[in-house]
Amino acid sequence: MHAVKRLGILGGMSWVSSLKYYETINLEILKLTEGTRTADLVLWSFDTTQIEPLIAAGDWRGIARLLQDAIDRMMSCKVEGLIIASNTIHRVLEQNHLKLPLPFVDIRDSLLNELNRRDITRVGFVGTSATMNGDIYRHLFDGSAGVDVMLPPENLWADIDDMIFNGLCRGLRRDSDQKLARRGMRWFKQQEIEHVVLGCTELSRLRIETAGITLLDTSEIHARDAARWSVGSIEVKIRAAA
């Protein structure tokens, strides 16, 4: 019988992506254990409507306090490792506002490992403005990771935020969001970009497959790594407990 470690997921940012994480992790563990095990996990789902105003206000300390309280409470459930099911919320780590008492699978490490594994050195990247304009992916954006990154034009960022927070995070697939996403994909293709990182865990809900462009879904990449960690894979990069 395969051993499966108990994973703690900080989710609900939004609940839409948390659903995908839950499904992907279980399916990956089933595959890795040849159908003998599913996930052993604890999911803390925040009220999205409480998180979004804090993001808009740039109150990362406030967000960190909510996350820290959830982590402290999850410890009583004997979780053995943690993930944050969101790109944007990883900003609290860059600003050293969060104490992680357990091994942590970081979405940024998962993405960089995937790019290196596939020898990808040039990508387009789309996410919330807080992700694209912040220090979350600074080692990727500044070229120090050996990857050339192209972001969408800044005049689209407000519309992208509206698409994510007022559409996708509410479980909606609005026609205007589909049109905006396809417009963005066309722009990347004009720049001769062959790989586009979906740097927001909700973006995969859109039908934006484009000929000649491979989509790299951070939520799927991250969830697969979380599953691999759960079954004891040594190939997954882990940030040690602080």
C-alpha atoms as a PDB file:
ATOM      1  CA  MET A   1       0.000   0.000   0.000  1.00  0.00           C
ATOM      2  CA  HIS A   2       1.335   3.426  -0.978  1.00  0.00           C
ATOM      3  CA  ALA A   3       1.748   5.966   1.825  1.00  0.00           C
ATOM      4  CA  VAL A   4       0.064   9.337   1.280  1.00  0.00           C
ATOM      5  CA  LYS A   5       0.996  12.380   3.343  1.00  0.00           C
ATOM      6  CA  ARG A   6      -1.735  14.723   4.540  1.00  0.00           C
ATOM      7  CA  LEU A   7      -1.772  17.978   2.579  1.00  0.00           C
ATOM      8  CA  GLY A   8      -3.163  21.286   3.798  1.00  0.00           C
ATOM      9  CA  ILE A   9      -4.604  23.539   1.079  1.00  0.00           C
ATOM     10  CA  LEU A  10      -5.199  27.242   1.642  1.00  0.00           C
ATOM     11  CA  GLY A  11      -7.975  27.749  -0.884  1.00  0.00           C
ATOM     12  CA  GLY A  12     -11.078  29.744  -1.628  1.00  0.00           C
ATOM     13  CA  MET A  13      -9.058  32.410  -3.464  1.00  0.00           C
ATOM     14  CA  SER A  14     -11.169  31.643  -5.387  1.00  0.00           C
ATOM     15  CA  TRP A  15     -13.373  28.618  -4.732  1.00  0.00           C
ATOM     16  CA  VAL A  16     -13.358  28.041  -8.511  1.00  0.00           C
ATOM     17  CA  SER A  17      -9.657  27.188  -8.644  1.00  0.00           C
ATOM     18  CA  SER A  18      -9.915  25.215  -5.393  1.00  0.00           C
ATOM     19  CA  LEU A  19     -12.288  22.824  -7.144  1.00  0.00           C
ATOM     20  CA  LYS A  20      -9.691  22.223  -9.828  1.00  0.00           C
ATOM     21  CA  TYR A  21      -6.948  21.677  -7.269  1.00  0.00           C
ATOM     22  CA  TYR A  22      -9.065  19.119  -5.413  1.00  0.00           C
ATOM     23  CA  GLU A  23      -9.854  17.193  -8.590  1.00  0.00           C
ATOM     24  CA  THR A  24      -6.349  17.355 -10.071  1.00  0.00           C
ATOM     25  CA  ILE A  25      -4.609  16.269  -6.868  1.00  0.00           C
ATOM     26  CA  ASN A  26      -6.918  13.282  -6.435  1.00  0.00           C
ATOM     27  CA  LEU A  27      -6.597  12.191 -10.054  1.00  0.00           C
ATOM     28  CA  GLU A  28      -2.810  12.522  -9.973  1.00  0.00           C
ATOM     29  CA  ILE A  29      -2.517  10.507  -6.758  1.00  0.00           C
ATOM     30  CA  LEU A  30      -4.751   7.817  -8.250  1.00  0.00           C
ATOM     31  CA  LYS A  31      -2.416   7.662 -11.243  1.00  0.00           C
ATOM     32  CA  LEU A  32       0.768   7.657  -9.167  1.00  0.00           C
ATOM     33  CA  THR A  33      -0.493   4.904  -6.860  1.00  0.00           C
ATOM     34  CA  GLU A  34      -1.952   2.816  -9.685  1.00  0.00           C
ATOM     35  CA  GLY A  35      -5.469   3.394  -8.449  1.00  0.00           C
ATOM     36  CA  THR A  36      -4.883   2.310  -4.871  1.00  0.00           C
ATOM     37  CA  ARG A  37      -5.046   5.699  -3.074  1.00  0.00           C
ATOM     38  CA  THR A  38      -6.695   9.109  -3.280  1.00  0.00           C
ATOM     39  CA  ALA A  39      -5.719  12.348  -1.558  1.00  0.00           C
ATOM     40  CA  ASP A  40      -5.547  12.810   2.192  1.00  0.00           C
ATOM     41  CA  LEU A  41      -6.053  16.541   2.519  1.00  0.00           C
ATOM     42  CA  VAL A  42      -7.542  19.374   4.521  1.00  0.00           C
ATOM     43  CA  LEU A  43      -8.945  22.305   2.538  1.00  0.00           C
ATOM     44  CA  TRP A  44      -9.403  25.698   4.174  1.00  0.00           C
ATOM     45  CA  SER A  45     -11.667  27.693   1.874  1.00  0.00           C
ATOM     46  CA  PHE A  46     -11.703  31.444   2.488  1.00  0.00           C
ATOM     47  CA  ASP A  47     -14.618  33.697   1.617  1.00  0.00           C
ATOM     48  CA  THR A  48     -13.357  35.190  -1.645  1.00  0.00           C
ATOM     49  CA  THR A  49     -15.266  38.410  -1.032  1.00  0.00           C
ATOM     50  CA  GLN A  50     -13.183  39.039   2.101  1.00  0.00           C
ATOM     51  CA  ILE A  51      -9.870  38.517   0.305  1.00  0.00           C
ATOM     52  CA  GLU A  52     -10.488  40.620  -2.821  1.00  0.00           C
ATOM     53  CA  PRO A  53     -10.823  44.015  -1.044  1.00  0.00           C
ATOM     54  CA  LEU A  54      -7.547  43.350   0.772  1.00  0.00           C
ATOM     55  CA  ILE A  55      -5.817  42.633  -2.549  1.00  0.00           C
ATOM     56  CA  ALA A  56      -7.266  45.828  -4.049  1.00  0.00           C
ATOM     57  CA  ALA A  57      -6.039  47.828  -1.040  1.00  0.00           C
ATOM     58  CA  GLY A  58      -2.615  46.183  -1.116  1.00  0.00           C
ATOM     59  CA  ASP A  59      -3.147  45.000   2.463  1.00  0.00           C
ATOM     60  CA  TRP A  60      -0.835  42.002   2.336  1.00  0.00           C
ATOM     61  CA  ARG A  61      -0.343  42.014   6.089  1.00  0.00           C
ATOM     62  CA  GLY A  62      -4.100  41.667   6.514  1.00  0.00           C
ATOM     63  CA  ILE A  63      -4.136  38.751   4.084  1.00  0.00           C
ATOM     64  CA  ALA A  64      -1.197  37.163   5.880  1.00  0.00           C
ATOM     65  CA  ARG A  65      -3.031  37.380   9.210  1.00  0.00           C
ATOM     66  CA  LEU A  66      -5.981  35.469   7.737  1.00  0.00           C
ATOM     67  CA  LEU A  67      -3.678  32.842   6.255  1.00  0.00           C
ATOM     68  CA  GLN A  68      -1.651  32.492   9.453  1.00  0.00           C
ATOM     69  CA  ASP A  69      -4.784  31.920  11.510  1.00  0.00           C
ATOM     70  CA  ALA A  70      -5.920  29.244   9.048  1.00  0.00           C
ATOM     71  CA  ILE A  71      -2.512  27.536   9.120  1.00  0.00           C
ATOM     72  CA  ASP A  72      -2.432  27.529  12.911  1.00  0.00           C
ATOM     73  CA  ARG A  73      -5.881  25.931  13.005  1.00  0.00           C
ATOM     74  CA  MET A  74      -4.990  23.365  10.336  1.00  0.00           C
ATOM     75  CA  MET A  75      -2.074  22.188  12.453  1.00  0.00           C
ATOM     76  CA  SER A  76      -4.595  20.550  14.779  1.00  0.00           C
ATOM     77  CA  CYS A  77      -5.639  18.410  11.801  1.00  0.00           C
ATOM     78  CA  LYS A  78      -2.092  17.036  11.612  1.00  0.00           C
ATOM     79  CA  VAL A  79      -1.375  18.216   8.084  1.00  0.00           C
ATOM     80  CA  GLU A  80       2.182  17.435   6.975  1.00  0.00           C
ATOM     81  CA  GLY A  81       2.652  19.998   4.214  1.00  0.00           C
ATOM     82  CA  LEU A  82       1.022  23.109   2.765  1.00  0.00           C
ATOM     83  CA  ILE A  83       0.153  24.811  -0.493  1.00  0.00           C
ATOM     84  CA  ILE A  84      -1.537  28.115  -1.351  1.00  0.00           C
ATOM     85  CA  ALA A  85      -3.984  27.547  -4.213  1.00  0.00           C
ATOM     86  CA  SER A  86      -3.417  30.973  -5.778  1.00  0.00           C
ATOM     87  CA  ASN A  87      -0.660  32.825  -7.620  1.00  0.00           C
ATOM     88  CA  THR A  88      -1.461  36.312  -6.356  1.00  0.00           C
ATOM     89  CA  ILE A  89      -1.567  35.355  -2.672  1.00  0.00           C
ATOM     90  CA  HIS A  90       2.037  34.125  -2.829  1.00  0.00           C
ATOM     91  CA  ARG A  91       2.967  37.792  -2.538  1.00  0.00           C
ATOM     92  CA  VAL A  92       2.692  37.483   1.256  1.00  0.00           C
ATOM     93  CA  LEU A  93       5.729  35.176   1.124  1.00  0.00           C
ATOM     94  CA  GLU A  94       7.859  37.652  -0.813  1.00  0.00           C
ATOM     95  CA  GLN A  95       7.105  40.266   1.821  1.00  0.00           C
ATOM     96  CA  ASN A  96       7.911  37.860   4.679  1.00  0.00           C
ATOM     97  CA  HIS A  97       4.506  38.291   6.298  1.00  0.00           C
ATOM     98  CA  LEU A  98       3.778  34.575   6.734  1.00  0.00           C
ATOM     99  CA  LYS A  99       5.372  31.916   8.926  1.00  0.00           C
ATOM    100  CA  LEU A 100       5.267  28.439   7.430  1.00  0.00           C
ATOM    101  CA  PRO A 101       5.619  25.743  10.106  1.00  0.00           C
ATOM    102  CA  LEU A 102       5.547  22.877   7.599  1.00  0.00           C
ATOM    103  CA  PRO A 103       7.105  21.933   4.241  1.00  0.00           C
ATOM    104  CA  PHE A 104       5.639  24.127   1.508  1.00  0.00           C
ATOM    105  CA  VAL A 105       5.144  23.465  -2.212  1.00  0.00           C
ATOM    106  CA  ASP A 106       5.491  26.888  -3.863  1.00  0.00           C
ATOM    107  CA  ILE A 107       3.613  27.520  -7.117  1.00  0.00           C
ATOM    108  CA  ARG A 108       6.545  29.545  -8.459  1.00  0.00           C
ATOM    109  CA  ASP A 109       8.991  26.679  -7.936  1.00  0.00           C
ATOM    110  CA  SER A 110       6.563  24.336  -9.675  1.00  0.00           C
ATOM    111  CA  LEU A 111       6.332  26.622 -12.702  1.00  0.00           C
ATOM    112  CA  LEU A 112      10.091  27.178 -12.975  1.00  0.00           C
ATOM    113  CA  ASN A 113      10.744  23.444 -12.679  1.00  0.00           C
ATOM    114  CA  GLU A 114       8.247  22.798 -15.466  1.00  0.00           C
ATOM    115  CA  LEU A 115       9.858  25.403 -17.717  1.00  0.00           C
ATOM    116  CA  ASN A 116      13.299  23.934 -17.072  1.00  0.00           C
ATOM    117  CA  ARG A 117      12.078  20.379 -17.578  1.00  0.00           C
ATOM    118  CA  ARG A 118      10.646  21.306 -20.968  1.00  0.00           C
ATOM    119  CA  ASP A 119      13.577  23.564 -21.867  1.00  0.00           C
ATOM    120  CA  ILE A 120      11.279  26.563 -22.396  1.00  0.00           C
ATOM    121  CA  THR A 121      13.168  29.875 -22.410  1.00  0.00           C
ATOM    122  CA  ARG A 122      10.573  32.320 -23.750  1.00  0.00           C
ATOM    123  CA  VAL A 123       6.974  32.692 -22.556  1.00  0.00           C
ATOM    124  CA  GLY A 124       4.032  35.020 -22.448  1.00  0.00           C
ATOM    125  CA  PHE A 125       2.519  35.481 -19.014  1.00  0.00           C
ATOM    126  CA  VAL A 126      -0.941  36.644 -17.960  1.00  0.00           C
ATOM    127  CA  GLY A 127      -2.335  37.007 -14.444  1.00  0.00           C
ATOM    128  CA  THR A 128      -3.800  39.610 -12.118  1.00  0.00           C
ATOM    129  CA  SER A 129      -2.188  43.046 -12.163  1.00  0.00           C
ATOM    130  CA  ALA A 130      -0.967  42.362  -8.610  1.00  0.00           C
ATOM    131  CA  THR A 131       0.891  39.326  -9.944  1.00  0.00           C
ATOM    132  CA  MET A 132       2.213  40.950 -13.109  1.00  0.00           C
ATOM    133  CA  ASN A 133       3.194  44.204 -11.399  1.00  0.00           C
ATOM    134  CA  GLY A 134       4.362  42.808  -8.065  1.00  0.00           C
ATOM    135  CA  ASP A 135       7.378  40.931  -6.785  1.00  0.00           C
ATOM    136  CA  ILE A 136       5.751  37.483  -6.773  1.00  0.00           C
ATOM    137  CA  TYR A 137       7.508  36.310  -9.929  1.00  0.00           C
ATOM    138  CA  ARG A 138      10.361  38.836  -9.896  1.00  0.00           C
ATOM    139  CA  HIS A 139      13.014  36.133 -10.469  1.00  0.00           C
ATOM    140  CA  LEU A 140      11.108  35.051 -13.561  1.00  0.00           C
ATOM    141  CA  PHE A 141      10.306  38.515 -14.885  1.00  0.00           C
ATOM    142  CA  ASP A 142      13.791  39.989 -14.402  1.00  0.00           C
ATOM    143  CA  GLY A 143      15.412  37.267 -16.499  1.00  0.00           C
ATOM    144  CA  SER A 144      17.525  35.831 -13.673  1.00  0.00           C
ATOM    145  CA  ALA A 145      15.813  32.456 -14.112  1.00  0.00           C
ATOM    146  CA  GLY A 146      16.965  32.305 -17.734  1.00  0.00           C
ATOM    147  CA  VAL A 147      13.500  32.844 -19.178  1.00  0.00           C
ATOM    148  CA  ASP A 148      12.436  35.747 -21.405  1.00  0.00           C
ATOM    149  CA  VAL A 149       8.952  36.828 -20.256  1.00  0.00           C
ATOM    150  CA  MET A 150       6.493  38.988 -22.176  1.00  0.00           C
ATOM    151  CA  LEU A 151       3.474  40.492 -20.403  1.00  0.00           C
ATOM    152  CA  PRO A 152       0.309  41.717 -22.129  1.00  0.00           C
ATOM    153  CA  PRO A 153       0.031  45.472 -22.830  1.00  0.00           C
ATOM    154  CA  GLU A 154      -0.649  47.421 -19.637  1.00  0.00           C
ATOM    155  CA  ASN A 155      -3.759  49.018 -21.122  1.00  0.00           C
ATOM    156  CA  LEU A 156      -5.381  45.570 -20.863  1.00  0.00           C
ATOM    157  CA  TRP A 157      -4.536  44.957 -17.216  1.00  0.00           C
ATOM    158  CA  ALA A 158      -7.633  46.607 -15.723  1.00  0.00           C
ATOM    159  CA  ASP A 159      -9.842  44.554 -18.051  1.00  0.00           C
ATOM    160  CA  ILE A 160      -7.923  41.397 -17.136  1.00  0.00           C
ATOM    161  CA  ASP A 161      -8.513  42.106 -13.432  1.00  0.00           C
ATOM    162  CA  ASP A 162     -12.221  42.597 -14.107  1.00  0.00           C
ATOM    163  CA  MET A 163     -12.307  39.325 -16.054  1.00  0.00           C
ATOM    164  CA  ILE A 164     -10.658  37.467 -13.176  1.00  0.00           C
ATOM    165  CA  PHE A 165     -12.264  39.012 -10.089  1.00  0.00           C
ATOM    166  CA  ASN A 166     -15.744  39.846 -11.374  1.00  0.00           C
ATOM    167  CA  GLY A 167     -16.094  36.996 -13.832  1.00  0.00           C
ATOM    168  CA  LEU A 168     -13.994  33.884 -13.299  1.00  0.00           C
ATOM    169  CA  CYS A 169     -13.817  34.113  -9.495  1.00  0.00           C
ATOM    170  CA  ARG A 170     -17.622  34.189  -9.471  1.00  0.00           C
ATOM    171  CA  GLY A 171     -17.799  31.043 -11.566  1.00  0.00           C
ATOM    172  CA  LEU A 172     -18.911  32.990 -14.659  1.00  0.00           C
ATOM    173  CA  ARG A 173     -17.858  32.612 -18.278  1.00  0.00           C
ATOM    174  CA  ARG A 174     -18.888  35.954 -19.745  1.00  0.00           C
ATOM    175  CA  ASP A 175     -18.739  36.491 -23.487  1.00  0.00           C
ATOM    176  CA  SER A 176     -16.703  39.640 -22.925  1.00  0.00           C
ATOM    177  CA  ASP A 177     -14.120  37.619 -20.978  1.00  0.00           C
ATOM    178  CA  GLN A 178     -13.796  35.070 -23.766  1.00  0.00           C
ATOM    179  CA  LYS A 179     -13.287  37.875 -26.277  1.00  0.00           C
ATOM    180  CA  LEU A 180     -10.664  39.570 -24.095  1.00  0.00           C
ATOM    181  CA  ALA A 181      -8.774  36.317 -23.552  1.00  0.00           C
ATOM    182  CA  ARG A 182      -8.771  35.514 -27.274  1.00  0.00           C
ATOM    183  CA  ARG A 183      -7.588  39.050 -28.003  1.00  0.00           C
ATOM    184  CA  GLY A 184      -4.706  38.485 -25.614  1.00  0.00           C
ATOM    185  CA  MET A 185      -3.803  35.176 -27.238  1.00  0.00           C
ATOM    186  CA  ARG A 186      -3.808  36.810 -30.677  1.00  0.00           C
ATOM    187  CA  TRP A 187      -1.485  39.503 -29.355  1.00  0.00           C
ATOM    188  CA  PHE A 188       0.931  36.903 -27.968  1.00  0.00           C
ATOM    189  CA  LYS A 189       0.882  35.075 -31.271  1.00  0.00           C
ATOM    190  CA  GLN A 190       1.731  38.302 -33.092  1.00  0.00           C
ATOM    191  CA  GLN A 191       4.778  38.561 -30.821  1.00  0.00           C
ATOM    192  CA  GLU A 192       5.744  35.029 -31.933  1.00  0.00           C
ATOM    193  CA  ILE A 193       5.211  33.621 -28.456  1.00  0.00           C
ATOM    194  CA  GLU A 194       4.805  29.832 -28.509  1.00  0.00           C
ATOM    195  CA  HIS A 195       4.128  29.242 -24.791  1.00  0.00           C
ATOM    196  CA  VAL A 196       1.813  31.265 -22.549  1.00  0.00           C
ATOM    197  CA  VAL A 197       1.754  30.870 -18.773  1.00  0.00           C
ATOM    198  CA  LEU A 198      -1.699  31.129 -17.222  1.00  0.00           C
ATOM    199  CA  GLY A 199      -0.443  32.901 -14.109  1.00  0.00           C
ATOM    200  CA  CYS A 200      -3.842  33.005 -12.469  1.00  0.00           C
ATOM    201  CA  THR A 201      -5.408  29.795 -11.235  1.00  0.00           C
ATOM    202  CA  GLU A 202      -8.845  30.657 -12.684  1.00  0.00           C
ATOM    203  CA  LEU A 203      -7.796  31.348 -16.283  1.00  0.00           C
ATOM    204  CA  SER A 204      -8.016  27.735 -17.404  1.00  0.00           C
ATOM    205  CA  ARG A 205     -11.817  27.996 -17.192  1.00  0.00           C
ATOM    206  CA  LEU A 206     -11.765  29.996 -20.415  1.00  0.00           C
ATOM    207  CA  ARG A 207     -11.702  28.369 -23.843  1.00  0.00           C
ATOM    208  CA  ILE A 208      -8.593  30.076 -25.165  1.00  0.00           C
ATOM    209  CA  GLU A 209      -6.760  27.306 -26.975  1.00  0.00           C
ATOM    210  CA  THR A 210      -4.917  28.917 -29.881  1.00  0.00           C
ATOM    211  CA  ALA A 211      -3.152  27.202 -32.753  1.00  0.00           C
ATOM    212  CA  GLY A 212       0.606  27.485 -32.377  1.00  0.00           C
ATOM    213  CA  ILE A 213       0.472  28.367 -28.653  1.00  0.00           C
ATOM    214  CA  THR A 214       0.931  25.921 -25.785  1.00  0.00           C
ATOM    215  CA  LEU A 215      -0.798  26.952 -22.565  1.00  0.00           C
ATOM    216  CA  LEU A 216       0.998  26.346 -19.277  1.00  0.00           C
ATOM    217  CA  ASP A 217      -1.623  26.238 -16.528  1.00  0.00           C
ATOM    218  CA  THR A 218      -0.010  27.057 -13.178  1.00  0.00           C
ATOM    219  CA  SER A 219      -2.899  25.543 -11.205  1.00  0.00           C
ATOM    220  CA  GLU A 220      -2.510  22.180 -12.920  1.00  0.00           C
ATOM    221  CA  ILE A 221       1.296  22.221 -12.694  1.00  0.00           C
ATOM    222  CA  HIS A 222       1.152  23.154  -9.009  1.00  0.00           C
ATOM    223  CA  ALA A 223      -1.546  20.620  -8.133  1.00  0.00           C
ATOM    224  CA  ARG A 224       0.396  17.806  -9.801  1.00  0.00           C
ATOM    225  CA  ASP A 225       3.474  18.720  -7.776  1.00  0.00           C
ATOM    226  CA  ALA A 226       1.387  18.741  -4.586  1.00  0.00           C
ATOM    227  CA  ALA A 227       0.175  15.247  -5.431  1.00  0.00           C
ATOM    228  CA  ARG A 228       3.713  14.041  -6.107  1.00  0.00           C
ATOM    229  CA  TRP A 229       4.837  15.452  -2.778  1.00  0.00           C
ATOM    230  CA  SER A 230       1.951  13.632  -1.097  1.00  0.00           C
ATOM    231  CA  VAL A 231       3.182  10.271  -2.340  1.00  0.00           C
ATOM    232  CA  GLY A 232       6.781  11.006  -1.399  1.00  0.00           C
ATOM    233  CA  SER A 233       8.369  12.047  -4.696  1.00  0.00           C
ATOM    234  CA  ILE A 234      11.841  13.510  -4.227  1.00  0.00           C
ATOM    235  CA  GLU A 235      11.599  15.373  -7.561  1.00  0.00           C
ATOM    236  CA  VAL A 236       9.334  18.078  -6.118  1.00  0.00           C
ATOM    237  CA  LYS A 237      11.072  21.172  -4.777  1.00  0.00           C
ATOM    238  CA  ILE A 238      10.017  21.841  -1.189  1.00  0.00           C
ATOM    239  CA  ARG A 239      10.527  24.990   0.848  1.00  0.00           C
ATOM    240  CA  ALA A 240      11.469  23.962   4.345  1.00  0.00           C
ATOM    241  CA  ALA A 241       9.481  25.005   7.383  1.00  0.00           C
ATOM    242  CA  ALA A 242      10.436  28.457   8.632  1.00  0.00           C
END
